[in-house]
Structure formats: C-alpha cells, structure tokens
Amino acid sequence: RGLLDADVVFPVLHGPFGEDGTVQGLLELLDVP
C-alpha cells in the first residue's frame, strides 16, 4: 500500500535497522520507490 502516498521514500538512517537491508526490505514489501 505504499507509504503516505509517497512518490519516493528517502531513508536517512544510519547503522543497524537502517542501512543494513532491514528497512530496505520493508520498503520493498510496501512497494514504494
């Protein structure tokens, strides 16, 4: 269902749970660029 009607998400997260693939996997499941 995407995230807040975003055209694209810009993660600005550092370290574990941010740049290690975890958030990226969640964004893939949300189906949002």
PDB file of all heavy atoms in Angstrom:
ATOM      1  N   ARG A   1       0.804  -1.224   0.000  1.00  0.00           N
ATOM      2  CA  ARG A   1       0.000   0.000   0.000  1.00  0.00           C
ATOM      3  C   ARG A   1       0.838   1.276   0.000  1.00  0.00           C
ATOM      4  O   ARG A   1       0.303   2.358   0.175  1.00  0.00           O
ATOM      5  CB  ARG A   1      -0.932   0.017   1.209  1.00  0.00           C
ATOM      6  CG  ARG A   1      -1.907  -1.147   1.279  1.00  0.00           C
ATOM      7  CD  ARG A   1      -2.779  -1.222   0.036  1.00  0.00           C
ATOM      8  NE  ARG A   1      -3.829  -2.241   0.183  1.00  0.00           N
ATOM      9  CZ  ARG A   1      -4.579  -2.660  -0.810  1.00  0.00           C
ATOM     10  NH1 ARG A   1      -4.397  -2.160  -2.035  1.00  0.00           N
ATOM     11  NH2 ARG A   1      -5.501  -3.580  -0.614  1.00  0.00           N
ATOM     12  N   GLY A   2       2.161   1.148  -0.177  1.00  0.00           N
ATOM     13  CA  GLY A   2       2.995   2.342  -0.206  1.00  0.00           C
ATOM     14  C   GLY A   2       3.146   2.953   1.175  1.00  0.00           C
ATOM     15  O   GLY A   2       2.859   2.321   2.201  1.00  0.00           O
ATOM     16  N   LEU A   3       3.572   4.223   1.212  1.00  0.00           N
ATOM     17  CA  LEU A   3       3.791   4.911   2.479  1.00  0.00           C
ATOM     18  C   LEU A   3       3.378   6.366   2.341  1.00  0.00           C
ATOM     19  O   LEU A   3       4.027   7.151   1.642  1.00  0.00           O
ATOM     20  CB  LEU A   3       5.270   4.812   2.887  1.00  0.00           C
ATOM     21  CG  LEU A   3       5.657   5.485   4.200  1.00  0.00           C
ATOM     22  CD1 LEU A   3       4.926   4.849   5.376  1.00  0.00           C
ATOM     23  CD2 LEU A   3       7.167   5.406   4.417  1.00  0.00           C
ATOM     24  N   LEU A   4       2.264   6.720   2.942  1.00  0.00           N
ATOM     25  CA  LEU A   4       1.774   8.096   2.983  1.00  0.00           C
ATOM     26  C   LEU A   4       1.674   8.729   1.591  1.00  0.00           C
ATOM     27  O   LEU A   4       1.989   9.908   1.404  1.00  0.00           O
ATOM     28  CB  LEU A   4       2.680   8.951   3.889  1.00  0.00           C
ATOM     29  CG  LEU A   4       2.691   8.563   5.375  1.00  0.00           C
ATOM     30  CD1 LEU A   4       3.737   9.353   6.132  1.00  0.00           C
ATOM     31  CD2 LEU A   4       1.306   8.790   5.995  1.00  0.00           C
ATOM     32  N   ASP A   5       1.274   7.918   0.621  1.00  0.00           N
ATOM     33  CA  ASP A   5       1.105   8.380  -0.761  1.00  0.00           C
ATOM     34  C   ASP A   5       2.382   8.955  -1.360  1.00  0.00           C
ATOM     35  O   ASP A   5       2.353   9.836  -2.228  1.00  0.00           O
ATOM     36  CB  ASP A   5      -0.008   9.433  -0.856  1.00  0.00           C
ATOM     37  CG  ASP A   5      -1.372   8.856  -0.488  1.00  0.00           C
ATOM     38  OD1 ASP A   5      -1.650   7.712  -0.884  1.00  0.00           O
ATOM     39  OD2 ASP A   5      -2.136   9.562   0.203  1.00  0.00           O
ATOM     40  N   ALA A   6       3.528   8.456  -0.912  1.00  0.00           N
ATOM     41  CA  ALA A   6       4.810   8.972  -1.398  1.00  0.00           C
ATOM     42  C   ALA A   6       5.086   8.528  -2.825  1.00  0.00           C
ATOM     43  O   ALA A   6       4.778   7.393  -3.214  1.00  0.00           O
ATOM     44  CB  ALA A   6       5.947   8.486  -0.497  1.00  0.00           C
ATOM     45  N   ASP A   7       5.690   9.427  -3.600  1.00  0.00           N
ATOM     46  CA  ASP A   7       6.242   9.042  -4.896  1.00  0.00           C
ATOM     47  C   ASP A   7       7.565   8.318  -4.709  1.00  0.00           C
ATOM     48  O   ASP A   7       7.952   7.472  -5.519  1.00  0.00           O
ATOM     49  CB  ASP A   7       6.460  10.282  -5.765  1.00  0.00           C
ATOM     50  CG  ASP A   7       5.155  10.973  -6.104  1.00  0.00           C
ATOM     51  OD1 ASP A   7       4.245  10.296  -6.634  1.00  0.00           O
ATOM     52  OD2 ASP A   7       5.031  12.187  -5.835  1.00  0.00           O
ATOM     53  N   VAL A   8       8.274   8.669  -3.639  1.00  0.00           N
ATOM     54  CA  VAL A   8       9.552   8.040  -3.333  1.00  0.00           C
ATOM     55  C   VAL A   8       9.839   8.259  -1.851  1.00  0.00           C
ATOM     56  O   VAL A   8       9.408   9.255  -1.263  1.00  0.00           O
ATOM     57  CB  VAL A   8      10.686   8.623  -4.214  1.00  0.00           C
ATOM     58  CG1 VAL A   8      10.882  10.111  -3.967  1.00  0.00           C
ATOM     59  CG2 VAL A   8      12.006   7.881  -4.014  1.00  0.00           C
ATOM     60  N   VAL A   9      10.547   7.305  -1.243  1.00  0.00           N
ATOM     61  CA  VAL A   9      10.960   7.407   0.155  1.00  0.00           C
ATOM     62  C   VAL A   9      12.465   7.633   0.193  1.00  0.00           C
ATOM     63  O   VAL A   9      13.224   6.991  -0.552  1.00  0.00           O
ATOM     64  CB  VAL A   9      10.595   6.137   0.942  1.00  0.00           C
ATOM     65  CG1 VAL A   9      11.123   6.199   2.375  1.00  0.00           C
ATOM     66  CG2 VAL A   9       9.081   5.940   0.933  1.00  0.00           C
ATOM     67  N   PHE A  10      12.903   8.541   1.059  1.00  0.00           N
ATOM     68  CA  PHE A  10      14.326   8.843   1.205  1.00  0.00           C
ATOM     69  C   PHE A  10      14.738   8.443   2.622  1.00  0.00           C
ATOM     70  O   PHE A  10      14.579   9.200   3.572  1.00  0.00           O
ATOM     71  CB  PHE A  10      14.575  10.335   0.990  1.00  0.00           C
ATOM     72  CG  PHE A  10      15.989  10.704   0.634  1.00  0.00           C
ATOM     73  CD1 PHE A  10      16.247  11.561  -0.434  1.00  0.00           C
ATOM     74  CD2 PHE A  10      17.069  10.223   1.366  1.00  0.00           C
ATOM     75  CE1 PHE A  10      17.542  11.913  -0.781  1.00  0.00           C
ATOM     76  CE2 PHE A  10      18.367  10.563   1.030  1.00  0.00           C
ATOM     77  CZ  PHE A  10      18.612  11.416  -0.040  1.00  0.00           C
ATOM     78  N   PRO A  11      15.254   7.203   2.808  1.00  0.00           N
ATOM     79  CA  PRO A  11      15.710   6.807   4.145  1.00  0.00           C
ATOM     80  C   PRO A  11      17.029   7.505   4.475  1.00  0.00           C
ATOM     81  O   PRO A  11      17.980   7.447   3.701  1.00  0.00           O
ATOM     82  CB  PRO A  11      15.893   5.293   4.031  1.00  0.00           C
ATOM     83  CG  PRO A  11      16.057   5.018   2.580  1.00  0.00           C
ATOM     84  CD  PRO A  11      15.425   6.134   1.817  1.00  0.00           C
ATOM     85  N   VAL A  12      17.060   8.185   5.611  1.00  0.00           N
ATOM     86  CA  VAL A  12      18.291   8.837   6.063  1.00  0.00           C
ATOM     87  C   VAL A  12      18.618   8.235   7.419  1.00  0.00           C
ATOM     88  O   VAL A  12      18.632   8.908   8.453  1.00  0.00           O
ATOM     89  CB  VAL A  12      18.118  10.366   6.143  1.00  0.00           C
ATOM     90  CG1 VAL A  12      19.483  11.030   6.234  1.00  0.00           C
ATOM     91  CG2 VAL A  12      17.367  10.901   4.935  1.00  0.00           C
ATOM     92  N   LEU A  13      18.857   6.936   7.427  1.00  0.00           N
ATOM     93  CA  LEU A  13      19.046   6.143   8.635  1.00  0.00           C
ATOM     94  C   LEU A  13      20.463   5.576   8.633  1.00  0.00           C
ATOM     95  O   LEU A  13      20.975   5.170   7.593  1.00  0.00           O
ATOM     96  CB  LEU A  13      18.025   5.015   8.689  1.00  0.00           C
ATOM     97  CG  LEU A  13      16.562   5.457   8.588  1.00  0.00           C
ATOM     98  CD1 LEU A  13      15.668   4.271   8.292  1.00  0.00           C
ATOM     99  CD2 LEU A  13      16.128   6.167   9.873  1.00  0.00           C
ATOM    100  N   HIS A  14      21.073   5.542   9.795  1.00  0.00           N
ATOM    101  CA  HIS A  14      22.450   5.077   9.904  1.00  0.00           C
ATOM    102  C   HIS A  14      22.526   3.883  10.857  1.00  0.00           C
ATOM    103  O   HIS A  14      21.820   3.836  11.861  1.00  0.00           O
ATOM    104  CB  HIS A  14      23.359   6.192  10.418  1.00  0.00           C
ATOM    105  CG  HIS A  14      23.203   7.494   9.685  1.00  0.00           C
ATOM    106  ND1 HIS A  14      23.206   7.567   8.304  1.00  0.00           N
ATOM    107  CD2 HIS A  14      23.054   8.768  10.131  1.00  0.00           C
ATOM    108  CE1 HIS A  14      23.069   8.838   7.938  1.00  0.00           C
ATOM    109  NE2 HIS A  14      22.969   9.576   9.027  1.00  0.00           N
ATOM    110  N   GLY A  15      23.409   2.938  10.527  1.00  0.00           N
ATOM    111  CA  GLY A  15      23.639   1.822  11.421  1.00  0.00           C
ATOM    112  C   GLY A  15      22.606   0.719  11.292  1.00  0.00           C
ATOM    113  O   GLY A  15      21.807   0.678  10.350  1.00  0.00           O
ATOM    114  N   PRO A  16      22.586  -0.222  12.260  1.00  0.00           N
ATOM    115  CA  PRO A  16      21.635  -1.338  12.228  1.00  0.00           C
ATOM    116  C   PRO A  16      20.189  -0.847  12.190  1.00  0.00           C
ATOM    117  O   PRO A  16      19.857   0.211  12.715  1.00  0.00           O
ATOM    118  CB  PRO A  16      21.927  -2.078  13.547  1.00  0.00           C
ATOM    119  CG  PRO A  16      23.336  -1.709  13.883  1.00  0.00           C
ATOM    120  CD  PRO A  16      23.516  -0.305  13.403  1.00  0.00           C
ATOM    121  N   PHE A  17      19.335  -1.626  11.535  1.00  0.00           N
ATOM    122  CA  PHE A  17      17.914  -1.329  11.350  1.00  0.00           C
ATOM    123  C   PHE A  17      17.700  -0.095  10.477  1.00  0.00           C
ATOM    124  O   PHE A  17      16.615   0.494  10.498  1.00  0.00           O
ATOM    125  CB  PHE A  17      17.203  -1.148  12.707  1.00  0.00           C
ATOM    126  CG  PHE A  17      17.472  -2.234  13.689  1.00  0.00           C
ATOM    127  CD1 PHE A  17      18.298  -2.017  14.781  1.00  0.00           C
ATOM    128  CD2 PHE A  17      16.932  -3.495  13.519  1.00  0.00           C
ATOM    129  CE1 PHE A  17      18.572  -3.032  15.691  1.00  0.00           C
ATOM    130  CE2 PHE A  17      17.191  -4.512  14.417  1.00  0.00           C
ATOM    131  CZ  PHE A  17      18.014  -4.281  15.502  1.00  0.00           C
ATOM    132  N   GLY A  18      18.724   0.291   9.712  1.00  0.00           N
ATOM    133  CA  GLY A  18      18.573   1.455   8.857  1.00  0.00           C
ATOM    134  C   GLY A  18      19.287   1.331   7.537  1.00  0.00           C
ATOM    135  O   GLY A  18      18.701   1.547   6.485  1.00  0.00           O
ATOM    136  N   GLU A  19      20.572   0.961   7.594  1.00  0.00           N
ATOM    137  CA  GLU A  19      21.330   0.834   6.350  1.00  0.00           C
ATOM    138  C   GLU A  19      21.821  -0.585   6.112  1.00  0.00           C
ATOM    139  O   GLU A  19      22.686  -0.817   5.276  1.00  0.00           O
ATOM    140  CB  GLU A  19      22.523   1.806   6.347  1.00  0.00           C
ATOM    141  CG  GLU A  19      23.538   1.603   7.459  1.00  0.00           C
ATOM    142  CD  GLU A  19      24.670   2.610   7.405  1.00  0.00           C
ATOM    143  OE1 GLU A  19      25.336   2.686   6.354  1.00  0.00           O
ATOM    144  OE2 GLU A  19      24.894   3.318   8.407  1.00  0.00           O
ATOM    145  N   ASP A  20      21.256  -1.546   6.834  1.00  0.00           N
ATOM    146  CA  ASP A  20      21.726  -2.931   6.747  1.00  0.00           C
ATOM    147  C   ASP A  20      20.806  -3.833   5.944  1.00  0.00           C
ATOM    148  O   ASP A  20      20.961  -5.046   5.947  1.00  0.00           O
ATOM    149  CB  ASP A  20      21.907  -3.507   8.150  1.00  0.00           C
ATOM    150  CG  ASP A  20      20.631  -3.477   8.982  1.00  0.00           C
ATOM    151  OD1 ASP A  20      19.610  -2.945   8.486  1.00  0.00           O
ATOM    152  OD2 ASP A  20      20.646  -3.979  10.124  1.00  0.00           O
ATOM    153  N   GLY A  21      19.829  -3.245   5.244  1.00  0.00           N
ATOM    154  CA  GLY A  21      18.914  -4.044   4.434  1.00  0.00           C
ATOM    155  C   GLY A  21      17.565  -4.274   5.080  1.00  0.00           C
ATOM    156  O   GLY A  21      16.623  -4.701   4.397  1.00  0.00           O
ATOM    157  N   THR A  22      17.426  -4.006   6.385  1.00  0.00           N
ATOM    158  CA  THR A  22      16.164  -4.277   7.063  1.00  0.00           C
ATOM    159  C   THR A  22      15.068  -3.303   6.621  1.00  0.00           C
ATOM    160  O   THR A  22      13.980  -3.722   6.216  1.00  0.00           O
ATOM    161  CB  THR A  22      16.344  -4.224   8.585  1.00  0.00           C
ATOM    162  OG1 THR A  22      17.002  -3.002   8.938  1.00  0.00           O
ATOM    163  CG2 THR A  22      17.191  -5.385   9.076  1.00  0.00           C
ATOM    164  N   VAL A  23      15.336  -2.011   6.700  1.00  0.00           N
ATOM    165  CA  VAL A  23      14.352  -1.029   6.244  1.00  0.00           C
ATOM    166  C   VAL A  23      14.132  -1.151   4.746  1.00  0.00           C
ATOM    167  O   VAL A  23      12.999  -1.004   4.253  1.00  0.00           O
ATOM    168  CB  VAL A  23      14.793   0.400   6.630  1.00  0.00           C
ATOM    169  CG1 VAL A  23      14.028   1.459   5.846  1.00  0.00           C
ATOM    170  CG2 VAL A  23      14.587   0.623   8.125  1.00  0.00           C
ATOM    171  N   GLN A  24      15.194  -1.441   4.020  1.00  0.00           N
ATOM    172  CA  GLN A  24      15.061  -1.612   2.565  1.00  0.00           C
ATOM    173  C   GLN A  24      14.103  -2.758   2.239  1.00  0.00           C
ATOM    174  O   GLN A  24      13.273  -2.653   1.316  1.00  0.00           O
ATOM    175  CB  GLN A  24      16.441  -1.855   1.943  1.00  0.00           C
ATOM    176  CG  GLN A  24      17.368  -0.658   1.946  1.00  0.00           C
ATOM    177  CD  GLN A  24      17.954  -0.306   3.309  1.00  0.00           C
ATOM    178  OE1 GLN A  24      17.928  -1.116   4.238  1.00  0.00           O
ATOM    179  NE2 GLN A  24      18.467   0.904   3.430  1.00  0.00           N
ATOM    180  N   GLY A  25      14.187  -3.840   2.989  1.00  0.00           N
ATOM    181  CA  GLY A  25      13.258  -4.946   2.778  1.00  0.00           C
ATOM    182  C   GLY A  25      11.824  -4.558   3.089  1.00  0.00           C
ATOM    183  O   GLY A  25      10.889  -4.960   2.375  1.00  0.00           O
ATOM    184  N   LEU A  26      11.643  -3.777   4.139  1.00  0.00           N
ATOM    185  CA  LEU A  26      10.299  -3.315   4.479  1.00  0.00           C
ATOM    186  C   LEU A  26       9.737  -2.415   3.388  1.00  0.00           C
ATOM    187  O   LEU A  26       8.559  -2.539   3.006  1.00  0.00           O
ATOM    188  CB  LEU A  26      10.339  -2.567   5.814  1.00  0.00           C
ATOM    189  CG  LEU A  26       9.031  -1.950   6.299  1.00  0.00           C
ATOM    190  CD1 LEU A  26       7.913  -2.988   6.348  1.00  0.00           C
ATOM    191  CD2 LEU A  26       9.217  -1.314   7.657  1.00  0.00           C
ATOM    192  N   LEU A  27      10.562  -1.527   2.850  1.00  0.00           N
ATOM    193  CA  LEU A  27      10.101  -0.647   1.778  1.00  0.00           C
ATOM    194  C   LEU A  27       9.778  -1.436   0.513  1.00  0.00           C
ATOM    195  O   LEU A  27       8.860  -1.083  -0.237  1.00  0.00           O
ATOM    196  CB  LEU A  27      11.146   0.434   1.501  1.00  0.00           C
ATOM    197  CG  LEU A  27      11.371   1.421   2.661  1.00  0.00           C
ATOM    198  CD1 LEU A  27      12.561   2.334   2.360  1.00  0.00           C
ATOM    199  CD2 LEU A  27      10.116   2.239   2.952  1.00  0.00           C
ATOM    200  N   GLU A  28      10.511  -2.530   0.282  1.00  0.00           N
ATOM    201  CA  GLU A  28      10.170  -3.407  -0.851  1.00  0.00           C
ATOM    202  C   GLU A  28       8.777  -3.997  -0.643  1.00  0.00           C
ATOM    203  O   GLU A  28       7.971  -4.063  -1.584  1.00  0.00           O
ATOM    204  CB  GLU A  28      11.200  -4.535  -0.967  1.00  0.00           C
ATOM    205  CG  GLU A  28      12.600  -4.099  -1.369  1.00  0.00           C
ATOM    206  CD  GLU A  28      12.748  -3.901  -2.858  1.00  0.00           C
ATOM    207  OE1 GLU A  28      11.822  -4.239  -3.622  1.00  0.00           O
ATOM    208  OE2 GLU A  28      13.813  -3.386  -3.270  1.00  0.00           O
ATOM    209  N   LEU A  29       8.474  -4.427   0.577  1.00  0.00           N
ATOM    210  CA  LEU A  29       7.162  -5.012   0.855  1.00  0.00           C
ATOM    211  C   LEU A  29       6.050  -3.969   0.754  1.00  0.00           C
ATOM    212  O   LEU A  29       4.933  -4.282   0.338  1.00  0.00           O
ATOM    213  CB  LEU A  29       7.159  -5.646   2.248  1.00  0.00           C
ATOM    214  CG  LEU A  29       8.038  -6.885   2.416  1.00  0.00           C
ATOM    215  CD1 LEU A  29       8.029  -7.351   3.862  1.00  0.00           C
ATOM    216  CD2 LEU A  29       7.578  -8.012   1.500  1.00  0.00           C
ATOM    217  N   LEU A  30       6.350  -2.727   1.127  1.00  0.00           N
ATOM    218  CA  LEU A  30       5.362  -1.655   0.976  1.00  0.00           C
ATOM    219  C   LEU A  30       5.143  -1.308  -0.489  1.00  0.00           C
ATOM    220  O   LEU A  30       4.142  -0.693  -0.843  1.00  0.00           O
ATOM    221  CB  LEU A  30       5.807  -0.410   1.744  1.00  0.00           C
ATOM    222  CG  LEU A  30       5.866  -0.533   3.267  1.00  0.00           C
ATOM    223  CD1 LEU A  30       6.390   0.760   3.879  1.00  0.00           C
ATOM    224  CD2 LEU A  30       4.491  -0.869   3.839  1.00  0.00           C
ATOM    225  N   ASP A  31       6.105  -1.694  -1.343  1.00  0.00           N
ATOM    226  CA  ASP A  31       6.029  -1.476  -2.794  1.00  0.00           C
ATOM    227  C   ASP A  31       6.100   0.013  -3.128  1.00  0.00           C
ATOM    228  O   ASP A  31       5.243   0.567  -3.815  1.00  0.00           O
ATOM    229  CB  ASP A  31       4.754  -2.090  -3.382  1.00  0.00           C
ATOM    230  CG  ASP A  31       4.875  -2.295  -4.903  1.00  0.00           C
ATOM    231  OD1 ASP A  31       5.994  -2.553  -5.371  1.00  0.00           O
ATOM    232  OD2 ASP A  31       3.849  -2.173  -5.596  1.00  0.00           O
ATOM    233  N   VAL A  32       7.175   0.643  -2.646  1.00  0.00           N
ATOM    234  CA  VAL A  32       7.375   2.066  -2.882  1.00  0.00           C
ATOM    235  C   VAL A  32       8.831   2.294  -3.304  1.00  0.00           C
ATOM    236  O   VAL A  32       9.731   1.634  -2.787  1.00  0.00           O
ATOM    237  CB  VAL A  32       7.033   2.870  -1.605  1.00  0.00           C
ATOM    238  CG1 VAL A  32       7.936   2.488  -0.439  1.00  0.00           C
ATOM    239  CG2 VAL A  32       7.100   4.365  -1.856  1.00  0.00           C
ATOM    240  N   PRO A  33       9.089   3.194  -4.257  1.00  0.00           N
ATOM    241  CA  PRO A  33      10.477   3.510  -4.609  1.00  0.00           C
ATOM    242  C   PRO A  33      11.205   4.106  -3.405  1.00  0.00           C
ATOM    243  O   PRO A  33      10.602   4.834  -2.601  1.00  0.00           O
ATOM    244  CB  PRO A  33      10.344   4.545  -5.724  1.00  0.00           C
ATOM    245  CG  PRO A  33       8.951   4.410  -6.237  1.00  0.00           C
ATOM    246  CD  PRO A  33       8.128   3.951  -5.081  1.00  0.00           C
TER     247      PRO A  33
END
